[in-house]
Amino acid sequence: MPPDELNKHQIEDGNTPLTGDETGGLIPPHLTTRADLNQWEIRNIERAMGWIGGRTLNVLDQAILQELHRRMFDETWKWAGEFRDSDKSISAYHWTEVPRLVRDLLANTQAQYEHGAKIPKALDELAIRFHHEFVRIHPWPNGNGRHSRLATDLLLQSWERPPFSWGNAAHPTKSGEVRARYIAALRAADAGSFDELRRFARA
């Protein structure tokens, strides 16, 4: 995922002021709106893309997964790369469960890859289910969607598969529409139907 595609992984919320909860742990003191924060994070993620370069990262290694998050947000959040230490309404899992849940997801994904068919459809399906469960766990205080999409693309790369298109938003003005489709696809997957997420991933 080259830097010029980062906007499709970033949701612009305009001039909405940041709340007290949102500024907790924020490193740059001059950011006051959601748009300011979004642009700052985009530049932070661009630097992370430079760190990745052309390397193939094993994101099924927990340490590498955490380092990826740290690199993506190390100039934005003090807690970058650290699992959340509080509950979130968006996740049904208690924060103390996160380390175990992440370990189990990585181990299960690795086992399914080793014992499964190495054909495009099967690999894409495994990546989609990895992505969905990682988002459900919601391991970070912030940046879960962007990190999980990039981690999934890197997982596909390690399996010699092309990255997902994630809605194929060619223009930043479509970001709101893409976000709505993405959330709807995740909710459908929560209910056991992955068709919408499959279509979204390979739009």
Protein backbone atom coordinates (compact mmCIF):
# COMPACT_ATOMS: atom_id res chain seq x y z
CA MET A 1 0.00 0.00 0.00
CA PRO A 2 1.91 3.07 -1.21
CA PRO A 3 1.62 6.41 0.63
CA ASP A 4 -0.60 7.93 -2.05
CA GLU A 5 -3.27 5.35 -1.15
CA LEU A 6 -3.31 6.26 2.53
CA ASN A 7 -6.29 8.58 2.18
CA LYS A 8 -8.58 5.66 1.52
CA HIS A 9 -7.57 4.28 4.91
CA GLN A 10 -8.12 7.64 6.63
CA ILE A 11 -11.48 9.11 7.50
CA GLU A 12 -11.77 12.90 7.41
CA ASP A 13 -14.18 14.32 10.01
CA GLY A 14 -13.66 18.02 9.23
CA ASN A 15 -13.35 20.60 11.94
CA THR A 16 -14.92 18.60 14.76
CA PRO A 17 -13.05 19.56 17.96
CA LEU A 18 -11.15 16.77 19.68
CA THR A 19 -12.63 15.66 22.99
CA GLY A 20 -10.73 15.26 26.23
CA ASP A 21 -10.72 11.49 25.78
CA GLU A 22 -9.28 11.87 22.28
CA THR A 23 -6.43 14.12 23.41
CA GLY A 24 -5.36 11.81 26.24
CA GLY A 25 -1.91 10.51 25.32
CA LEU A 26 -1.63 12.83 22.32
CA ILE A 27 1.98 13.89 21.66
CA PRO A 28 1.67 17.04 19.46
CA PRO A 29 -0.02 19.74 21.59
CA HIS A 30 -1.12 21.93 18.66
CA LEU A 31 -3.75 19.56 17.24
CA THR A 32 -7.26 20.76 18.06
CA THR A 33 -9.59 19.26 15.44
CA ARG A 34 -10.24 15.82 13.99
CA ALA A 35 -9.01 17.02 10.58
CA ASP A 36 -5.72 18.21 12.13
CA LEU A 37 -5.26 14.85 13.82
CA ASN A 38 -6.11 12.93 10.64
CA GLN A 39 -3.52 14.81 8.60
CA TRP A 40 -0.88 14.37 11.30
CA GLU A 41 -1.58 10.64 11.46
CA ILE A 42 -1.37 10.34 7.68
CA ARG A 43 2.16 11.77 7.77
CA ASN A 44 3.05 9.45 10.65
CA ILE A 45 1.77 6.44 8.68
CA GLU A 46 3.69 7.58 5.59
CA ARG A 47 6.88 7.40 7.65
CA ALA A 48 5.88 3.91 8.77
CA MET A 49 5.47 2.91 5.12
CA GLY A 50 9.04 4.08 4.55
CA TRP A 51 10.17 1.90 7.46
CA ILE A 52 8.44 -1.11 5.89
CA GLY A 53 9.97 -0.40 2.49
CA GLY A 54 9.96 -3.50 0.33
CA ARG A 55 10.34 -5.89 3.24
CA THR A 56 7.99 -8.76 3.98
CA LEU A 57 6.94 -8.56 7.62
CA ASN A 58 5.61 -11.51 9.58
CA VAL A 59 2.60 -9.86 11.17
CA LEU A 60 1.63 -13.18 12.76
CA ASP A 61 4.44 -12.43 15.21
CA GLN A 62 2.94 -10.39 18.06
CA ALA A 63 6.07 -8.32 18.58
CA ILE A 64 6.10 -7.30 14.90
CA LEU A 65 2.38 -6.55 15.01
CA GLN A 66 2.93 -4.23 17.96
CA GLU A 67 5.99 -2.63 16.35
CA LEU A 68 3.92 -1.93 13.25
CA HIS A 69 1.36 -0.03 15.33
CA ARG A 70 4.13 1.82 17.14
CA ARG A 71 5.73 2.90 13.86
CA MET A 72 2.38 4.04 12.48
CA PHE A 73 1.58 6.26 15.47
CA ASP A 74 4.85 6.85 17.36
CA GLU A 75 4.79 10.60 16.69
CA THR A 76 1.09 10.89 17.50
CA TRP A 77 0.27 8.81 20.59
CA LYS A 78 2.38 8.13 23.68
CA TRP A 79 0.91 4.64 23.94
CA ALA A 80 1.58 3.64 20.31
CA GLY A 81 2.23 -0.09 20.11
CA GLU A 82 0.69 -0.79 23.53
CA PHE A 83 -2.55 -2.70 23.96
CA ARG A 84 -5.52 -0.81 25.37
CA ASP A 85 -5.92 -0.73 29.16
CA SER A 86 -9.62 0.14 29.32
CA ASP A 87 -12.86 -1.18 27.91
CA LYS A 88 -14.36 0.20 24.69
CA SER A 89 -18.01 0.16 23.73
CA ILE A 90 -17.02 -0.90 20.22
CA SER A 91 -15.60 -4.21 21.51
CA ALA A 92 -17.32 -6.90 23.54
CA TYR A 93 -13.99 -8.02 24.97
CA HIS A 94 -12.64 -6.85 28.32
CA TRP A 95 -9.28 -5.11 27.99
CA THR A 96 -7.53 -7.73 30.14
CA GLU A 97 -8.41 -10.36 27.51
CA VAL A 98 -6.67 -8.54 24.66
CA PRO A 99 -3.15 -10.07 24.91
CA ARG A 100 -4.54 -13.62 25.02
CA LEU A 101 -7.04 -12.98 22.24
CA VAL A 102 -4.35 -11.55 19.97
CA ARG A 103 -2.03 -14.50 20.66
CA ASP A 104 -4.84 -16.96 19.93
CA LEU A 105 -5.78 -15.17 16.69
CA LEU A 106 -2.20 -15.17 15.44
CA ALA A 107 -1.67 -18.84 16.35
CA ASN A 108 -4.98 -19.92 14.80
CA THR A 109 -4.32 -17.97 11.60
CA GLN A 110 -0.85 -19.50 11.30
CA ALA A 111 -2.22 -23.01 11.86
CA GLN A 112 -4.98 -22.53 9.29
CA TYR A 113 -2.44 -21.24 6.78
CA GLU A 114 -0.08 -24.17 7.34
CA HIS A 115 -2.81 -26.80 7.02
CA GLY A 116 -5.06 -25.07 4.50
CA ALA A 117 -5.11 -24.82 0.71
CA LYS A 118 -2.65 -22.32 -0.76
CA ILE A 119 -5.04 -21.11 -3.43
CA PRO A 120 -6.11 -17.45 -3.89
CA LYS A 121 -9.70 -17.86 -2.72
CA ALA A 122 -8.71 -19.72 0.46
CA LEU A 123 -5.92 -17.28 1.31
CA ASP A 124 -8.16 -14.26 0.78
CA GLU A 125 -10.81 -15.82 2.98
CA LEU A 126 -8.32 -16.49 5.76
CA ALA A 127 -7.08 -12.89 5.53
CA ILE A 128 -10.64 -11.52 5.67
CA ARG A 129 -11.44 -13.54 8.77
CA PHE A 130 -8.16 -12.51 10.38
CA HIS A 131 -9.01 -8.88 9.72
CA HIS A 132 -12.53 -9.16 11.06
CA GLU A 133 -11.51 -10.84 14.30
CA PHE A 134 -8.63 -8.41 14.84
CA VAL A 135 -11.03 -5.48 14.52
CA ARG A 136 -13.47 -7.20 16.92
CA ILE A 137 -10.72 -7.57 19.52
CA HIS A 138 -9.98 -3.84 19.12
CA PRO A 139 -6.52 -4.16 20.71
CA TRP A 140 -5.46 -0.49 20.56
CA PRO A 141 -6.92 2.65 22.14
CA ASN A 142 -6.96 4.18 18.63
CA GLY A 143 -5.90 3.38 15.08
CA ASN A 144 -7.46 -0.10 15.00
CA GLY A 145 -8.97 0.12 11.52
CA ARG A 146 -5.92 1.56 9.81
CA HIS A 147 -3.53 -0.81 11.58
CA SER A 148 -5.66 -3.89 10.93
CA ARG A 149 -6.06 -3.06 7.23
CA LEU A 150 -2.34 -2.52 6.77
CA ALA A 151 -1.51 -5.65 8.80
CA THR A 152 -3.92 -7.66 6.64
CA ASP A 153 -2.31 -6.33 3.45
CA LEU A 154 1.12 -7.27 4.80
CA LEU A 155 -0.21 -10.72 5.67
CA LEU A 156 -1.43 -11.14 2.09
CA GLN A 157 1.94 -9.97 0.81
CA SER A 158 3.70 -12.64 2.88
CA TRP A 159 1.42 -15.18 1.17
CA GLU A 160 2.26 -13.72 -2.26
CA ARG A 161 -1.23 -12.32 -2.70
CA PRO A 162 -2.05 -8.73 -3.77
CA PRO A 163 -3.34 -6.35 -1.08
CA PHE A 164 -7.05 -5.76 -0.69
CA SER A 165 -8.56 -2.67 -2.31
CA TRP A 166 -10.66 -1.85 0.78
CA GLY A 167 -13.56 -0.31 -1.08
CA ASN A 168 -11.51 1.12 -3.93
CA ALA A 169 -11.98 4.75 -2.89
CA ALA A 170 -10.04 6.53 -5.61
CA HIS A 171 -10.91 10.01 -4.34
CA PRO A 172 -10.74 11.31 -0.73
CA THR A 173 -14.26 12.80 -0.99
CA LYS A 174 -15.60 9.25 -1.06
CA SER A 175 -14.13 8.46 2.34
CA GLY A 176 -17.43 8.91 4.20
CA GLU A 177 -19.23 6.57 1.82
CA VAL A 178 -16.44 4.00 2.06
CA ARG A 179 -16.45 4.18 5.86
CA ALA A 180 -20.19 3.50 5.93
CA ARG A 181 -19.78 0.48 3.65
CA TYR A 182 -16.84 -0.78 5.70
CA ILE A 183 -18.71 -0.55 9.01
CA ALA A 184 -21.78 -2.20 7.48
CA ALA A 185 -19.60 -5.04 6.17
CA LEU A 186 -17.98 -5.55 9.57
CA ARG A 187 -21.37 -5.60 11.30
CA ALA A 188 -22.66 -8.16 8.82
CA ALA A 189 -19.58 -10.29 9.54
CA ASP A 190 -20.28 -9.94 13.27
CA ALA A 191 -23.62 -11.58 12.52
CA GLY A 192 -21.91 -14.39 10.59
CA SER A 193 -22.27 -13.15 7.01
CA PHE A 194 -18.94 -12.37 5.34
CA ASP A 195 -20.20 -11.76 1.79
CA GLU A 196 -20.29 -7.98 2.13
CA LEU A 197 -16.81 -7.86 3.64
CA ARG A 198 -15.48 -10.08 0.84
CA ARG A 199 -16.93 -7.73 -1.78
CA PHE A 200 -15.62 -4.67 0.03
CA ALA A 201 -12.12 -6.09 0.43
CA ARG A 202 -11.72 -6.93 -3.24
CA ALA A 203 -13.88 -4.14 -4.70
